[in-house]
Amino acid sequence: MHQSNAIENSTLTLEDTERILAGGVPTTARDLREIVEASNLARVTDDLLNSTEPLSVDLLLRWHRELLTGIRDDAAGRFRRGDEWVRVGSHLGANPAFVAGLIDEALERFRVGHLMG
C-alpha cells in the first residue's frame, strides 16, 4: 500500500500506512485525502486478492468506484469521457472516447491468456 500511495506523491510514511491499515490514524497531522486513499486502496486490494468473481468491466468499475469514493465522487466508478484526459508529466493517456473499447480489448486478451496459460 505504501509504495502505491508514494507513486501518487502521498506524504504518508510506512508507519502512517500501517496504522491506517490497522484501523487507526497517523500519529502526525496528515491530509485527510491521503488517509482516505490508503483506506480505500486497502479495501480494494483485499477484495482483489480474495474475490472469486471473474474479471470484468463491471468489477473494474466497482473497484474504481471504491478507490475514488470520498476523493473524486464525480468520477468514481466510470470511464473518463469528453475532455477528461489523463496527463502525467509529458505522457498523455488514451483518448477518453476509446477507453471503454480499449478496456474491453485488454480484458479479452487477459481471458484468452488466462485460458491458455
N, C-alpha and C. Protein backbone atom coordinates (compact mmCIF):
# COMPACT_ATOMS: atom_id res chain seq x y z
N MET A 1 0.82 -1.18 0.00
CA MET A 1 0.00 0.00 0.00
C MET A 1 0.87 1.25 0.00
N HIS A 2 1.89 1.24 0.85
CA HIS A 2 2.71 2.43 1.00
C HIS A 2 3.35 2.83 -0.32
N GLN A 3 3.91 1.87 -1.05
CA GLN A 3 4.58 2.19 -2.32
C GLN A 3 3.58 2.67 -3.36
N SER A 4 2.40 2.08 -3.39
CA SER A 4 1.38 2.53 -4.34
C SER A 4 0.98 3.97 -4.06
N ASN A 5 0.80 4.30 -2.79
CA ASN A 5 0.46 5.68 -2.44
C ASN A 5 1.62 6.62 -2.74
N ALA A 6 2.85 6.16 -2.55
CA ALA A 6 4.02 7.00 -2.81
C ALA A 6 4.08 7.39 -4.29
N ILE A 7 3.66 6.50 -5.18
CA ILE A 7 3.62 6.81 -6.61
C ILE A 7 2.74 8.02 -6.86
N GLU A 8 1.69 8.17 -6.05
CA GLU A 8 0.76 9.29 -6.18
C GLU A 8 1.21 10.52 -5.39
N ASN A 9 2.48 10.51 -4.98
CA ASN A 9 3.07 11.63 -4.22
C ASN A 9 2.46 11.81 -2.83
N SER A 10 2.00 10.73 -2.24
CA SER A 10 1.47 10.79 -0.89
C SER A 10 2.59 11.10 0.10
N THR A 11 2.26 11.83 1.14
CA THR A 11 3.24 12.13 2.19
C THR A 11 3.16 11.12 3.34
N LEU A 12 2.28 10.13 3.22
CA LEU A 12 2.16 9.13 4.28
C LEU A 12 3.45 8.32 4.38
N THR A 13 3.90 8.11 5.59
CA THR A 13 5.06 7.26 5.81
C THR A 13 4.59 5.81 5.88
N LEU A 14 5.55 4.89 5.89
CA LEU A 14 5.21 3.48 6.05
C LEU A 14 4.48 3.27 7.38
N GLU A 15 4.94 3.93 8.43
CA GLU A 15 4.28 3.81 9.74
C GLU A 15 2.85 4.34 9.69
N ASP A 16 2.65 5.48 9.01
CA ASP A 16 1.29 6.02 8.85
C ASP A 16 0.39 5.00 8.17
N THR A 17 0.90 4.43 7.09
CA THR A 17 0.12 3.47 6.30
C THR A 17 -0.22 2.25 7.14
N GLU A 18 0.74 1.75 7.89
CA GLU A 18 0.48 0.59 8.75
C GLU A 18 -0.60 0.90 9.78
N ARG A 19 -0.57 2.10 10.35
CA ARG A 19 -1.60 2.49 11.33
C ARG A 19 -2.98 2.54 10.68
N ILE A 20 -3.05 3.10 9.47
CA ILE A 20 -4.33 3.19 8.76
C ILE A 20 -4.87 1.80 8.46
N LEU A 21 -3.99 0.90 8.00
CA LEU A 21 -4.42 -0.46 7.67
C LEU A 21 -4.89 -1.22 8.90
N ALA A 22 -4.36 -0.85 10.06
CA ALA A 22 -4.77 -1.49 11.31
C ALA A 22 -6.02 -0.84 11.90
N GLY A 23 -6.59 0.13 11.18
CA GLY A 23 -7.81 0.78 11.63
C GLY A 23 -7.58 2.02 12.46
N GLY A 24 -6.33 2.45 12.55
CA GLY A 24 -6.01 3.64 13.33
C GLY A 24 -5.82 4.86 12.45
N VAL A 25 -5.19 5.85 13.02
CA VAL A 25 -4.89 7.08 12.30
C VAL A 25 -3.42 7.41 12.49
N PRO A 26 -2.83 8.15 11.55
CA PRO A 26 -1.42 8.54 11.70
C PRO A 26 -1.21 9.34 12.99
N THR A 27 0.01 9.27 13.52
CA THR A 27 0.32 9.98 14.76
C THR A 27 0.59 11.46 14.52
N THR A 28 0.86 11.83 13.27
CA THR A 28 1.08 13.24 12.94
C THR A 28 -0.03 13.71 12.00
N ALA A 29 -0.21 15.01 11.94
CA ALA A 29 -1.26 15.57 11.07
C ALA A 29 -0.99 15.20 9.62
N ARG A 30 -1.98 14.68 8.96
CA ARG A 30 -1.89 14.30 7.55
C ARG A 30 -3.13 14.78 6.83
N ASP A 31 -3.00 14.89 5.52
CA ASP A 31 -4.12 15.27 4.67
C ASP A 31 -5.17 14.16 4.72
N LEU A 32 -6.41 14.52 5.01
CA LEU A 32 -7.49 13.53 5.09
C LEU A 32 -7.61 12.75 3.79
N ARG A 33 -7.40 13.42 2.66
CA ARG A 33 -7.48 12.74 1.37
C ARG A 33 -6.51 11.56 1.31
N GLU A 34 -5.29 11.74 1.82
CA GLU A 34 -4.30 10.66 1.78
C GLU A 34 -4.73 9.49 2.66
N ILE A 35 -5.35 9.79 3.77
CA ILE A 35 -5.83 8.73 4.66
C ILE A 35 -6.96 7.95 3.98
N VAL A 36 -7.88 8.66 3.33
CA VAL A 36 -8.98 8.02 2.61
C VAL A 36 -8.43 7.18 1.46
N GLU A 37 -7.45 7.70 0.72
CA GLU A 37 -6.85 6.95 -0.39
C GLU A 37 -6.26 5.64 0.10
N ALA A 38 -5.50 5.68 1.20
CA ALA A 38 -4.87 4.47 1.73
C ALA A 38 -5.92 3.47 2.20
N SER A 39 -6.94 3.95 2.86
CA SER A 39 -8.01 3.08 3.35
C SER A 39 -8.77 2.44 2.19
N ASN A 40 -9.11 3.24 1.19
CA ASN A 40 -9.81 2.73 0.01
C ASN A 40 -8.96 1.67 -0.70
N LEU A 41 -7.68 1.97 -0.88
CA LEU A 41 -6.79 1.04 -1.57
C LEU A 41 -6.69 -0.28 -0.81
N ALA A 42 -6.65 -0.21 0.50
CA ALA A 42 -6.58 -1.44 1.30
C ALA A 42 -7.82 -2.30 1.08
N ARG A 43 -9.00 -1.68 1.08
CA ARG A 43 -10.25 -2.44 0.87
C ARG A 43 -10.28 -3.08 -0.52
N VAL A 44 -9.89 -2.30 -1.53
CA VAL A 44 -9.92 -2.83 -2.90
C VAL A 44 -8.89 -3.95 -3.06
N THR A 45 -7.72 -3.77 -2.50
CA THR A 45 -6.69 -4.81 -2.59
C THR A 45 -7.15 -6.09 -1.92
N ASP A 46 -7.79 -5.97 -0.77
CA ASP A 46 -8.32 -7.15 -0.09
C ASP A 46 -9.36 -7.85 -0.96
N ASP A 47 -10.25 -7.07 -1.57
CA ASP A 47 -11.26 -7.64 -2.45
C ASP A 47 -10.61 -8.31 -3.66
N LEU A 48 -9.61 -7.64 -4.23
CA LEU A 48 -8.92 -8.18 -5.40
C LEU A 48 -8.28 -9.53 -5.07
N LEU A 49 -7.64 -9.61 -3.92
CA LEU A 49 -6.94 -10.84 -3.54
C LEU A 49 -7.88 -11.97 -3.13
N ASN A 50 -9.07 -11.64 -2.67
CA ASN A 50 -9.99 -12.66 -2.16
C ASN A 50 -11.20 -12.93 -3.05
N SER A 51 -11.37 -12.15 -4.09
CA SER A 51 -12.55 -12.29 -4.94
C SER A 51 -12.44 -13.54 -5.82
N THR A 52 -13.57 -14.20 -5.98
CA THR A 52 -13.64 -15.32 -6.92
C THR A 52 -14.42 -14.91 -8.16
N GLU A 53 -14.85 -13.66 -8.17
CA GLU A 53 -15.61 -13.13 -9.30
C GLU A 53 -14.69 -12.99 -10.52
N PRO A 54 -15.15 -13.41 -11.69
CA PRO A 54 -14.32 -13.26 -12.89
C PRO A 54 -14.06 -11.78 -13.20
N LEU A 55 -12.87 -11.50 -13.69
CA LEU A 55 -12.52 -10.13 -14.06
C LEU A 55 -13.44 -9.65 -15.17
N SER A 56 -14.01 -8.48 -14.97
CA SER A 56 -14.96 -7.92 -15.94
C SER A 56 -14.92 -6.40 -15.86
N VAL A 57 -15.54 -5.76 -16.83
CA VAL A 57 -15.64 -4.31 -16.82
C VAL A 57 -16.39 -3.86 -15.57
N ASP A 58 -17.48 -4.53 -15.24
CA ASP A 58 -18.26 -4.16 -14.05
C ASP A 58 -17.41 -4.24 -12.78
N LEU A 59 -16.60 -5.29 -12.67
CA LEU A 59 -15.75 -5.44 -11.50
C LEU A 59 -14.69 -4.34 -11.45
N LEU A 60 -14.06 -4.06 -12.58
CA LEU A 60 -13.07 -2.97 -12.62
C LEU A 60 -13.68 -1.64 -12.23
N LEU A 61 -14.87 -1.37 -12.74
CA LEU A 61 -15.53 -0.10 -12.41
C LEU A 61 -15.97 -0.06 -10.95
N ARG A 62 -16.33 -1.21 -10.39
CA ARG A 62 -16.67 -1.25 -8.96
C ARG A 62 -15.44 -0.92 -8.12
N TRP A 63 -14.29 -1.54 -8.48
CA TRP A 63 -13.05 -1.23 -7.76
C TRP A 63 -12.68 0.24 -7.93
N HIS A 64 -12.87 0.76 -9.13
CA HIS A 64 -12.57 2.18 -9.39
C HIS A 64 -13.45 3.06 -8.51
N ARG A 65 -14.73 2.73 -8.41
CA ARG A 65 -15.65 3.49 -7.56
C ARG A 65 -15.18 3.44 -6.10
N GLU A 66 -14.80 2.25 -5.64
CA GLU A 66 -14.34 2.12 -4.26
C GLU A 66 -13.05 2.90 -4.02
N LEU A 67 -12.15 2.90 -4.99
CA LEU A 67 -10.89 3.64 -4.85
C LEU A 67 -11.12 5.15 -4.75
N LEU A 68 -12.06 5.66 -5.53
CA LEU A 68 -12.25 7.11 -5.61
C LEU A 68 -13.34 7.66 -4.69
N THR A 69 -14.07 6.78 -4.00
CA THR A 69 -15.12 7.26 -3.10
C THR A 69 -14.51 8.13 -2.01
N GLY A 70 -15.07 9.32 -1.86
CA GLY A 70 -14.57 10.27 -0.87
C GLY A 70 -13.40 11.09 -1.36
N ILE A 71 -12.97 10.82 -2.59
CA ILE A 71 -11.84 11.54 -3.17
C ILE A 71 -12.28 12.32 -4.40
N ARG A 72 -12.88 11.59 -5.34
CA ARG A 72 -13.43 12.20 -6.56
C ARG A 72 -14.73 11.49 -6.88
N ASP A 73 -15.72 11.74 -6.07
CA ASP A 73 -17.01 11.06 -6.23
C ASP A 73 -17.61 11.27 -7.61
N ASP A 74 -17.33 12.41 -8.23
CA ASP A 74 -17.88 12.71 -9.55
C ASP A 74 -17.32 11.80 -10.64
N ALA A 75 -16.14 11.23 -10.43
CA ALA A 75 -15.51 10.37 -11.43
C ALA A 75 -15.49 8.90 -11.02
N ALA A 76 -15.92 8.61 -9.81
CA ALA A 76 -15.82 7.26 -9.27
C ALA A 76 -16.73 6.29 -10.01
N GLY A 77 -16.16 5.16 -10.41
CA GLY A 77 -16.94 4.08 -11.00
C GLY A 77 -17.35 4.26 -12.44
N ARG A 78 -16.66 5.12 -13.16
CA ARG A 78 -16.99 5.30 -14.58
C ARG A 78 -15.71 5.61 -15.36
N PHE A 79 -15.80 5.40 -16.66
CA PHE A 79 -14.69 5.77 -17.53
C PHE A 79 -14.69 7.28 -17.72
N ARG A 80 -13.52 7.82 -17.98
CA ARG A 80 -13.44 9.24 -18.31
C ARG A 80 -14.17 9.47 -19.62
N ARG A 81 -14.67 10.68 -19.78
CA ARG A 81 -15.41 10.98 -21.01
C ARG A 81 -15.14 12.42 -21.43
N GLY A 82 -15.54 12.73 -22.63
CA GLY A 82 -15.39 14.10 -23.14
C GLY A 82 -13.96 14.56 -23.11
N ASP A 83 -13.71 15.64 -22.38
CA ASP A 83 -12.36 16.20 -22.34
C ASP A 83 -11.62 15.83 -21.05
N GLU A 84 -11.99 14.72 -20.42
CA GLU A 84 -11.33 14.27 -19.19
C GLU A 84 -10.11 13.40 -19.51
N TRP A 85 -9.09 14.04 -19.99
CA TRP A 85 -7.86 13.34 -20.36
C TRP A 85 -6.99 13.12 -19.13
N VAL A 86 -6.18 12.07 -19.17
CA VAL A 86 -5.20 11.81 -18.13
C VAL A 86 -3.85 12.27 -18.65
N ARG A 87 -3.19 13.13 -17.88
CA ARG A 87 -1.85 13.59 -18.24
C ARG A 87 -0.97 13.44 -17.01
N VAL A 88 0.14 12.73 -17.19
CA VAL A 88 1.14 12.58 -16.14
C VAL A 88 2.46 13.01 -16.74
N GLY A 89 2.96 14.16 -16.30
CA GLY A 89 4.17 14.70 -16.89
C GLY A 89 3.93 14.99 -18.36
N SER A 90 4.77 14.43 -19.21
CA SER A 90 4.60 14.63 -20.65
C SER A 90 3.75 13.53 -21.29
N HIS A 91 3.35 12.53 -20.50
CA HIS A 91 2.55 11.42 -21.04
C HIS A 91 1.07 11.81 -21.07
N LEU A 92 0.45 11.58 -22.21
CA LEU A 92 -0.98 11.81 -22.36
C LEU A 92 -1.65 10.46 -22.54
N GLY A 93 -2.61 10.16 -21.66
CA GLY A 93 -3.30 8.87 -21.72
C GLY A 93 -4.19 8.73 -22.94
N ALA A 94 -4.85 7.61 -23.02
CA ALA A 94 -5.72 7.31 -24.16
C ALA A 94 -6.85 8.32 -24.27
N ASN A 95 -7.28 8.54 -25.49
CA ASN A 95 -8.42 9.40 -25.76
C ASN A 95 -9.63 8.82 -25.01
N PRO A 96 -10.30 9.63 -24.20
CA PRO A 96 -11.45 9.12 -23.44
C PRO A 96 -12.50 8.44 -24.31
N ALA A 97 -12.62 8.84 -25.56
CA ALA A 97 -13.62 8.23 -26.46
C ALA A 97 -13.31 6.76 -26.73
N PHE A 98 -12.05 6.35 -26.54
CA PHE A 98 -11.64 4.99 -26.86
C PHE A 98 -11.40 4.11 -25.63
N VAL A 99 -11.48 4.69 -24.44
CA VAL A 99 -11.10 3.95 -23.24
C VAL A 99 -11.96 2.70 -23.02
N ALA A 100 -13.26 2.80 -23.13
CA ALA A 100 -14.12 1.63 -22.90
C ALA A 100 -13.76 0.49 -23.85
N GLY A 101 -13.54 0.80 -25.12
CA GLY A 101 -13.16 -0.22 -26.08
C GLY A 101 -11.79 -0.81 -25.78
N LEU A 102 -10.85 0.02 -25.37
CA LEU A 102 -9.51 -0.46 -25.03
C LEU A 102 -9.56 -1.39 -23.81
N ILE A 103 -10.40 -1.06 -22.84
CA ILE A 103 -10.55 -1.93 -21.67
C ILE A 103 -11.17 -3.26 -22.08
N ASP A 104 -12.18 -3.23 -22.93
CA ASP A 104 -12.78 -4.48 -23.43
C ASP A 104 -11.72 -5.35 -24.11
N GLU A 105 -10.90 -4.73 -24.96
CA GLU A 105 -9.84 -5.47 -25.66
C GLU A 105 -8.83 -6.06 -24.68
N ALA A 106 -8.43 -5.27 -23.68
CA ALA A 106 -7.47 -5.75 -22.70
C ALA A 106 -8.03 -6.93 -21.90
N LEU A 107 -9.30 -6.84 -21.52
CA LEU A 107 -9.92 -7.94 -20.78
C LEU A 107 -10.03 -9.19 -21.64
N GLU A 108 -10.32 -9.03 -22.91
CA GLU A 108 -10.38 -10.19 -23.80
C GLU A 108 -9.00 -10.84 -23.92
N ARG A 109 -7.95 -10.04 -24.07
CA ARG A 109 -6.59 -10.59 -24.13
C ARG A 109 -6.25 -11.30 -22.81
N PHE A 110 -6.68 -10.74 -21.70
CA PHE A 110 -6.45 -11.37 -20.40
C PHE A 110 -7.16 -12.73 -20.33
N ARG A 111 -8.42 -12.75 -20.74
CA ARG A 111 -9.19 -14.00 -20.69
C ARG A 111 -8.55 -15.07 -21.57
N VAL A 112 -8.17 -14.70 -22.78
CA VAL A 112 -7.54 -15.67 -23.69
C VAL A 112 -6.22 -16.16 -23.11
N GLY A 113 -5.41 -15.25 -22.60
CA GLY A 113 -4.13 -15.63 -22.00
C GLY A 113 -4.32 -16.48 -20.76
N HIS A 114 -5.34 -16.18 -19.98
CA HIS A 114 -5.62 -16.93 -18.76
C HIS A 114 -6.08 -18.35 -19.10
N LEU A 115 -6.86 -18.49 -20.15
CA LEU A 115 -7.33 -19.81 -20.56
C LEU A 115 -6.20 -20.65 -21.14
N MET A 116 -5.26 -19.99 -21.82
CA MET A 116 -4.16 -20.70 -22.46
C MET A 116 -3.04 -21.04 -21.48
N GLY A 117 -2.91 -20.22 -20.44
CA GLY A 117 -1.77 -20.37 -19.53
C GLY A 117 -2.11 -21.12 -18.32
